[in-house]
Protein backbone atom coordinates (compact mmCIF):
# COMPACT_ATOMS: atom_id res chain seq x y z
CA MET A 1 112.95 94.26 112.89
CA THR A 2 113.91 92.45 109.70
CA GLN A 3 112.83 94.32 106.57
CA TRP A 4 112.14 91.96 103.65
CA ILE A 5 112.18 93.33 100.12
CA ARG A 6 111.35 92.02 96.66
CA PHE A 7 113.43 93.41 93.85
CA GLU A 8 114.41 93.07 90.21
CA TYR A 9 118.09 92.94 89.38
CA ASP A 10 119.69 91.93 86.10
CA ARG A 11 116.16 91.28 84.71
CA LYS A 12 115.42 88.69 87.41
CA ALA A 13 113.07 88.97 90.39
CA GLY A 14 114.39 88.09 93.80
CA PHE A 15 113.98 88.83 97.47
CA GLY A 16 116.15 89.49 100.46
CA VAL A 17 116.72 91.46 103.61
CA LEU A 18 117.34 95.18 103.56
CA GLU A 19 120.53 96.16 105.38
CA GLY A 20 121.30 99.86 105.09
CA ASP A 21 121.84 100.62 101.40
CA SER A 22 122.20 96.94 100.43
CA ILE A 23 120.00 93.90 99.91
CA VAL A 24 121.21 90.57 101.32
CA VAL A 25 119.85 88.16 98.71
CA HIS A 26 117.95 85.07 99.91
CA SER A 27 116.68 81.96 98.14
CA GLY A 28 113.75 79.67 98.89
CA ASP A 29 110.16 80.67 99.62
CA MET A 30 109.91 84.10 101.22
CA PHE A 31 106.90 83.01 103.32
CA VAL A 32 108.10 79.55 104.39
CA SER A 33 111.86 79.04 104.49
CA THR A 34 114.69 81.22 103.28
CA LYS A 35 118.46 80.98 103.11
CA PRO A 36 120.95 83.76 102.46
CA THR A 37 122.79 83.14 99.20
CA GLY A 38 125.88 85.08 100.21
CA ASN A 39 125.21 87.72 97.53
CA LYS A 40 124.62 91.40 98.24
CA ILE A 41 123.15 93.97 95.86
CA LYS A 42 123.26 97.74 96.24
CA LEU A 43 119.73 99.01 96.77
CA ALA A 44 120.33 101.78 94.21
CA ASP A 45 121.06 99.14 91.54
CA ALA A 46 117.80 97.22 92.10
CA LYS A 47 114.22 98.01 91.12
CA ILE A 48 111.91 97.61 94.11
CA LEU A 49 108.88 95.38 93.44
CA THR A 50 105.59 94.90 95.28
CA PRO A 51 105.89 92.75 98.43
CA CYS A 52 104.38 89.73 96.70
CA ASP A 53 103.31 88.68 93.23
CA PRO A 54 99.50 88.57 93.45
CA SER A 55 97.52 85.78 91.81
CA LYS A 56 94.45 88.04 91.68
CA MET A 57 93.38 91.50 92.72
CA ILE A 58 90.17 92.33 94.54
CA CYS A 59 89.19 95.88 93.65
CA LEU A 60 86.71 98.35 95.08
CA TRP A 61 84.88 100.42 92.51
CA ASN A 62 85.13 103.63 94.52
CA ASN A 63 84.18 106.07 91.75
CA PHE A 64 80.86 104.34 91.01
CA HIS A 65 78.84 107.14 92.59
CA GLN A 66 80.10 109.64 90.00
CA LEU A 67 79.40 107.22 87.13
CA ALA A 68 75.97 106.34 88.54
CA ALA A 69 74.98 110.01 88.79
CA LYS A 70 76.24 110.71 85.27
CA ASN A 71 74.27 107.77 83.77
CA ASN A 72 71.20 108.01 86.02
CA PHE A 73 71.91 104.63 87.68
CA ARG A 74 70.56 104.06 91.14
CA ARG A 75 73.09 104.22 93.95
CA PRO A 76 74.10 100.73 95.14
CA GLU A 77 73.32 99.83 98.74
CA GLU A 78 76.66 98.04 99.17
CA PRO A 79 80.10 98.86 97.75
CA LEU A 80 80.84 97.26 94.40
CA TYR A 81 83.81 94.92 94.13
CA PHE A 82 85.35 93.14 91.18
CA LEU A 83 88.21 90.73 90.52
CA LYS A 84 91.03 91.50 88.15
CA ALA A 85 93.77 89.21 86.93
CA PRO A 86 97.25 90.72 87.44
CA ASN A 87 98.08 90.33 83.75
CA SER A 88 95.05 92.31 82.53
């Protein structure tokens, strides 16, 4: 199975295929079409990034019950969700 990886190397983000202790660098769109660039980077020399760069985050407020009890709020019937921009 091909193992895709996003990484930062030389202060630039990129992606490629993990092969042993190296990354075979690709160009293009990771989710549509990719081409190997011919470059390889040692995995130890790269900083591993999240699989994709999110445009937004959907979060579950899972500690609300503790906060509600502390502030005498009523317990919500449904879980509480909120959106968060990745740059906040």
